[in-house]
Each structure stands twice: as C-alpha cells, then as structure tokens.
Amino acid sequence: MQRVYVSLKKETGHHGGFHSTLIVILSFLIFILITFFTRGAFNQEREALLEILGKGREVTALNEKLKIDLASITRGRYIELKAKERLGLKRPKDGEVIILR
C-alpha cells in the first residue's frame, strides 16, 4: 500500500499577499486624510465658537454695566421726582450751594 500525503495548507500566490498589504496601506492613508480634514474643520468651528462666546461675554458685561447705570440714573430721577411731588422741593442752582470743609 502506497501512502499519499495531502497538504492542508492553502497555496497562495505571491500576488495575494501583495494585494492585502496594498489594501491595508491604502485604507490607512485614507483614514489619515479623513482625520486630517476632519480635524481642520473641527478647529475652524472651535475658533468660531470661541469668538461667539467672547462676544457674548462682552455683551453680558456691557449689559450688567448698563443695568447699574440705569439703576443709578433711575434712582436719582425717582428721588428727585418724589422730592418735588411730596415735599415741594427743587434742585438748588449752582450759586445757591455752599460747600463747607
């Protein structure tokens, strides 16, 4: 009886390994390009958002200052109006005021 040996290894040609390596390299390059462009778009959007937030902070600070100014102006006018209405007082002229030290 003669023995027959069968190889279980699948014979792959030289081109099979080359194609799979080429696919891996191309996939990696495509991934790097997509990452690069996505990162650039992200940075642009981040800068725009930071600019908008900075303007928002400026507007908020200006709004707070204007609220304080309005409160002081309104308070002074309110006091002057009530002094005229209730007490019959009026604001003195510049020559009528004497400042003592």
N, C-alpha and C. Protein backbone atom coordinates (compact mmCIF):
# COMPACT_ATOMS: atom_id res chain seq x y z
N MET A 1 0.82 -1.17 0.00
CA MET A 1 0.00 0.00 0.00
C MET A 1 0.88 1.25 0.00
N GLN A 2 0.52 2.12 -0.88
CA GLN A 2 1.33 3.32 -1.04
C GLN A 2 0.70 4.47 -0.28
N ARG A 3 1.50 5.25 0.38
CA ARG A 3 0.99 6.38 1.17
C ARG A 3 0.92 7.62 0.31
N VAL A 4 -0.19 8.33 0.51
CA VAL A 4 -0.40 9.58 -0.23
C VAL A 4 -0.48 10.69 0.81
N TYR A 5 0.29 11.71 0.63
CA TYR A 5 0.27 12.84 1.56
C TYR A 5 -0.47 14.00 0.91
N VAL A 6 -1.40 14.57 1.69
CA VAL A 6 -2.18 15.71 1.21
C VAL A 6 -1.83 16.91 2.09
N SER A 7 -1.47 17.96 1.47
CA SER A 7 -1.12 19.17 2.22
C SER A 7 -2.39 19.92 2.56
N LEU A 8 -2.53 20.34 3.82
CA LEU A 8 -3.70 21.08 4.26
C LEU A 8 -3.51 22.58 4.08
N LYS A 9 -2.32 23.00 3.79
CA LYS A 9 -2.06 24.41 3.59
C LYS A 9 -2.60 24.85 2.25
N LYS A 10 -3.21 26.01 2.28
CA LYS A 10 -3.75 26.55 1.05
C LYS A 10 -2.62 27.30 0.37
N GLU A 11 -2.41 26.99 -0.85
CA GLU A 11 -1.33 27.65 -1.56
C GLU A 11 -1.82 29.01 -2.04
N THR A 12 -1.09 30.00 -1.60
CA THR A 12 -1.41 31.36 -2.04
C THR A 12 -0.25 31.85 -2.87
N GLY A 13 -0.62 32.53 -3.89
CA GLY A 13 0.42 33.05 -4.76
C GLY A 13 1.05 34.30 -4.16
N HIS A 14 2.05 34.76 -4.75
CA HIS A 14 2.76 35.95 -4.30
C HIS A 14 1.85 37.18 -4.37
N HIS A 15 0.92 37.22 -5.31
CA HIS A 15 0.07 38.38 -5.51
C HIS A 15 -0.98 38.54 -4.42
N GLY A 16 -1.41 37.49 -3.79
CA GLY A 16 -2.43 37.56 -2.75
C GLY A 16 -1.96 38.37 -1.56
N GLY A 17 -0.75 38.17 -1.12
CA GLY A 17 -0.19 38.92 0.00
C GLY A 17 0.05 40.37 -0.36
N PHE A 18 0.44 40.62 -1.61
CA PHE A 18 0.70 41.97 -2.07
C PHE A 18 -0.59 42.78 -2.09
N HIS A 19 -1.67 42.18 -2.56
CA HIS A 19 -2.95 42.88 -2.64
C HIS A 19 -3.48 43.23 -1.26
N SER A 20 -3.39 42.31 -0.33
CA SER A 20 -3.90 42.58 1.01
C SER A 20 -3.05 43.66 1.70
N THR A 21 -1.75 43.65 1.47
CA THR A 21 -0.89 44.69 2.03
C THR A 21 -1.21 46.04 1.41
N LEU A 22 -1.44 46.07 0.12
CA LEU A 22 -1.80 47.31 -0.57
C LEU A 22 -3.13 47.85 -0.04
N ILE A 23 -4.09 46.99 0.19
CA ILE A 23 -5.39 47.41 0.72
C ILE A 23 -5.23 48.01 2.12
N VAL A 24 -4.41 47.37 2.94
CA VAL A 24 -4.19 47.88 4.30
C VAL A 24 -3.52 49.26 4.24
N ILE A 25 -2.54 49.42 3.41
CA ILE A 25 -1.82 50.70 3.30
C ILE A 25 -2.76 51.78 2.77
N LEU A 26 -3.53 51.48 1.74
CA LEU A 26 -4.47 52.47 1.20
C LEU A 26 -5.54 52.83 2.22
N SER A 27 -6.03 51.86 2.96
CA SER A 27 -7.02 52.13 4.00
C SER A 27 -6.44 53.05 5.06
N PHE A 28 -5.21 52.79 5.44
CA PHE A 28 -4.54 53.63 6.44
C PHE A 28 -4.36 55.05 5.93
N LEU A 29 -3.95 55.21 4.67
CA LEU A 29 -3.79 56.55 4.10
C LEU A 29 -5.12 57.30 4.02
N ILE A 30 -6.17 56.61 3.63
CA ILE A 30 -7.50 57.23 3.58
C ILE A 30 -7.93 57.65 4.97
N PHE A 31 -7.68 56.81 5.96
CA PHE A 31 -8.01 57.15 7.35
C PHE A 31 -7.26 58.40 7.80
N ILE A 32 -5.98 58.49 7.48
CA ILE A 32 -5.18 59.66 7.86
C ILE A 32 -5.71 60.92 7.18
N LEU A 33 -6.06 60.84 5.90
CA LEU A 33 -6.60 62.00 5.20
C LEU A 33 -7.93 62.45 5.78
N ILE A 34 -8.80 61.51 6.06
CA ILE A 34 -10.10 61.86 6.66
C ILE A 34 -9.89 62.50 8.02
N THR A 35 -8.99 61.95 8.82
CA THR A 35 -8.70 62.51 10.13
C THR A 35 -8.14 63.92 10.00
N PHE A 36 -7.25 64.14 9.06
CA PHE A 36 -6.65 65.45 8.87
C PHE A 36 -7.69 66.51 8.52
N PHE A 37 -8.56 66.20 7.54
CA PHE A 37 -9.58 67.17 7.13
C PHE A 37 -10.63 67.38 8.21
N THR A 38 -10.99 66.32 8.90
CA THR A 38 -11.98 66.45 9.98
C THR A 38 -11.42 67.31 11.11
N ARG A 39 -10.16 67.13 11.41
CA ARG A 39 -9.51 67.92 12.48
C ARG A 39 -9.47 69.39 12.10
N GLY A 40 -9.17 69.68 10.83
CA GLY A 40 -9.15 71.06 10.36
C GLY A 40 -10.52 71.72 10.47
N ALA A 41 -11.56 71.01 10.07
CA ALA A 41 -12.92 71.54 10.17
C ALA A 41 -13.31 71.75 11.62
N PHE A 42 -12.91 70.82 12.48
CA PHE A 42 -13.20 70.95 13.91
C PHE A 42 -12.53 72.19 14.49
N ASN A 43 -11.27 72.41 14.14
CA ASN A 43 -10.56 73.59 14.65
C ASN A 43 -11.20 74.88 14.19
N GLN A 44 -11.65 74.94 12.94
CA GLN A 44 -12.32 76.15 12.44
C GLN A 44 -13.61 76.40 13.20
N GLU A 45 -14.38 75.37 13.42
CA GLU A 45 -15.65 75.53 14.15
C GLU A 45 -15.39 75.93 15.60
N ARG A 46 -14.33 75.38 16.19
CA ARG A 46 -13.99 75.72 17.57
C ARG A 46 -13.61 77.18 17.69
N GLU A 47 -12.81 77.67 16.75
CA GLU A 47 -12.41 79.08 16.76
C GLU A 47 -13.62 79.99 16.59
N ALA A 48 -14.54 79.62 15.71
CA ALA A 48 -15.75 80.43 15.52
C ALA A 48 -16.59 80.44 16.79
N LEU A 49 -16.71 79.30 17.45
CA LEU A 49 -17.47 79.22 18.69
C LEU A 49 -16.82 80.05 19.79
N LEU A 50 -15.50 79.99 19.90
CA LEU A 50 -14.81 80.79 20.90
C LEU A 50 -15.00 82.28 20.66
N GLU A 51 -15.00 82.69 19.39
CA GLU A 51 -15.24 84.09 19.06
C GLU A 51 -16.65 84.51 19.46
N ILE A 52 -17.62 83.65 19.18
CA ILE A 52 -19.00 83.96 19.55
C ILE A 52 -19.14 84.03 21.07
N LEU A 53 -18.51 83.12 21.79
CA LEU A 53 -18.58 83.14 23.25
C LEU A 53 -17.92 84.38 23.82
N GLY A 54 -16.80 84.81 23.22
CA GLY A 54 -16.13 86.02 23.66
C GLY A 54 -17.02 87.24 23.48
N LYS A 55 -17.69 87.32 22.33
CA LYS A 55 -18.61 88.43 22.09
C LYS A 55 -19.78 88.37 23.05
N GLY A 56 -20.24 87.18 23.35
CA GLY A 56 -21.33 87.01 24.31
C GLY A 56 -20.94 87.50 25.69
N ARG A 57 -19.72 87.21 26.10
CA ARG A 57 -19.24 87.69 27.41
C ARG A 57 -19.13 89.20 27.43
N GLU A 58 -18.66 89.79 26.32
CA GLU A 58 -18.58 91.24 26.24
C GLU A 58 -19.97 91.87 26.34
N VAL A 59 -20.92 91.29 25.65
CA VAL A 59 -22.28 91.81 25.68
C VAL A 59 -22.87 91.68 27.09
N THR A 60 -22.61 90.55 27.74
CA THR A 60 -23.12 90.35 29.10
C THR A 60 -22.51 91.37 30.06
N ALA A 61 -21.21 91.61 29.94
CA ALA A 61 -20.56 92.59 30.81
C ALA A 61 -21.11 93.99 30.56
N LEU A 62 -21.29 94.35 29.30
CA LEU A 62 -21.85 95.65 28.96
C LEU A 62 -23.29 95.76 29.47
N ASN A 63 -24.05 94.70 29.37
CA ASN A 63 -25.42 94.69 29.86
C ASN A 63 -25.46 94.93 31.37
N GLU A 64 -24.57 94.27 32.11
CA GLU A 64 -24.51 94.47 33.57
C GLU A 64 -24.14 95.91 33.91
N LYS A 65 -23.19 96.49 33.18
CA LYS A 65 -22.79 97.88 33.43
C LYS A 65 -23.96 98.82 33.15
N LEU A 66 -24.67 98.56 32.05
CA LEU A 66 -25.81 99.41 31.71
C LEU A 66 -26.94 99.27 32.73
N LYS A 67 -27.13 98.09 33.28
CA LYS A 67 -28.13 97.91 34.32
C LYS A 67 -27.78 98.73 35.55
N ILE A 68 -26.50 98.72 35.92
CA ILE A 68 -26.06 99.51 37.08
C ILE A 68 -26.25 101.00 36.81
N ASP A 69 -25.85 101.44 35.62
CA ASP A 69 -26.02 102.85 35.25
C ASP A 69 -27.49 103.23 35.25
N LEU A 70 -28.33 102.39 34.70
CA LEU A 70 -29.76 102.67 34.65
C LEU A 70 -30.35 102.74 36.05
N ALA A 71 -29.93 101.83 36.92
CA ALA A 71 -30.44 101.85 38.29
C ALA A 71 -30.05 103.13 39.00
N SER A 72 -28.82 103.58 38.81
CA SER A 72 -28.39 104.81 39.49
C SER A 72 -29.09 106.03 38.91
N ILE A 73 -29.26 106.08 37.59
CA ILE A 73 -29.96 107.20 36.97
C ILE A 73 -31.42 107.20 37.38
N THR A 74 -32.04 106.04 37.31
CA THR A 74 -33.45 105.93 37.66
C THR A 74 -33.68 106.28 39.12
N ARG A 75 -32.81 105.83 39.98
CA ARG A 75 -32.94 106.11 41.40
C ARG A 75 -32.84 107.61 41.66
N GLY A 76 -31.86 108.25 41.01
CA GLY A 76 -31.70 109.70 41.19
C GLY A 76 -32.90 110.46 40.67
N ARG A 77 -33.40 110.10 39.53
CA ARG A 77 -34.57 110.78 38.97
C ARG A 77 -35.82 110.49 39.81
N TYR A 78 -35.91 109.26 40.29
CA TYR A 78 -37.05 108.91 41.12
C TYR A 78 -37.05 109.73 42.41
N ILE A 79 -35.89 109.83 43.03
CA ILE A 79 -35.79 110.60 44.27
C ILE A 79 -36.11 112.07 44.01
N GLU A 80 -35.59 112.60 42.93
CA GLU A 80 -35.86 114.00 42.60
C GLU A 80 -37.35 114.23 42.34
N LEU A 81 -37.98 113.32 41.63
CA LEU A 81 -39.41 113.44 41.32
C LEU A 81 -40.24 113.39 42.60
N LYS A 82 -39.94 112.45 43.47
CA LYS A 82 -40.69 112.32 44.71
C LYS A 82 -40.45 113.52 45.63
N ALA A 83 -39.24 114.07 45.62
CA ALA A 83 -38.96 115.25 46.43
C ALA A 83 -39.77 116.44 45.94
N LYS A 84 -39.93 116.56 44.64
CA LYS A 84 -40.75 117.66 44.10
C LYS A 84 -42.23 117.44 44.40
N GLU A 85 -42.71 116.18 44.21
CA GLU A 85 -44.13 115.90 44.40
C GLU A 85 -44.55 115.99 45.86
N ARG A 86 -43.88 115.25 46.72
CA ARG A 86 -44.32 115.11 48.11
C ARG A 86 -43.90 116.29 48.98
N LEU A 87 -42.68 116.75 48.80
CA LEU A 87 -42.14 117.76 49.71
C LEU A 87 -42.10 119.15 49.10
N GLY A 88 -42.36 119.27 47.82
CA GLY A 88 -42.31 120.58 47.18
C GLY A 88 -40.89 121.12 47.06
N LEU A 89 -39.91 120.23 47.09
CA LEU A 89 -38.51 120.66 46.99
C LEU A 89 -38.10 120.77 45.53
N LYS A 90 -37.05 121.55 45.29
CA LYS A 90 -36.49 121.63 43.95
C LYS A 90 -34.97 121.61 44.06
N ARG A 91 -34.31 121.29 42.98
CA ARG A 91 -32.85 121.22 42.96
C ARG A 91 -32.30 122.63 43.05
N PRO A 92 -31.30 122.82 43.94
CA PRO A 92 -30.70 124.16 44.05
C PRO A 92 -29.83 124.48 42.84
N LYS A 93 -29.72 125.76 42.55
CA LYS A 93 -28.86 126.20 41.46
C LYS A 93 -27.42 126.18 41.93
N ASP A 94 -26.49 126.26 40.99
CA ASP A 94 -25.07 126.16 41.34
C ASP A 94 -24.64 127.26 42.31
N GLY A 95 -25.13 128.44 42.17
CA GLY A 95 -24.73 129.54 43.04
C GLY A 95 -25.34 129.46 44.43
N GLU A 96 -26.36 128.64 44.61
CA GLU A 96 -27.04 128.55 45.90
C GLU A 96 -26.40 127.53 46.83
N VAL A 97 -25.48 126.76 46.36
CA VAL A 97 -24.87 125.71 47.17
C VAL A 97 -23.53 126.19 47.70
N ILE A 98 -23.34 126.05 49.02
CA ILE A 98 -22.06 126.39 49.65
C ILE A 98 -21.53 125.10 50.28
N ILE A 99 -20.31 124.76 49.89
CA ILE A 99 -19.70 123.55 50.43
C ILE A 99 -18.75 123.95 51.54
N LEU A 100 -18.96 123.42 52.75
CA LEU A 100 -18.12 123.71 53.92
C LEU A 100 -17.15 122.54 54.10
N ARG A 101 -15.94 122.89 54.47
CA ARG A 101 -14.95 121.84 54.69
C ARG A 101 -14.52 121.80 56.11
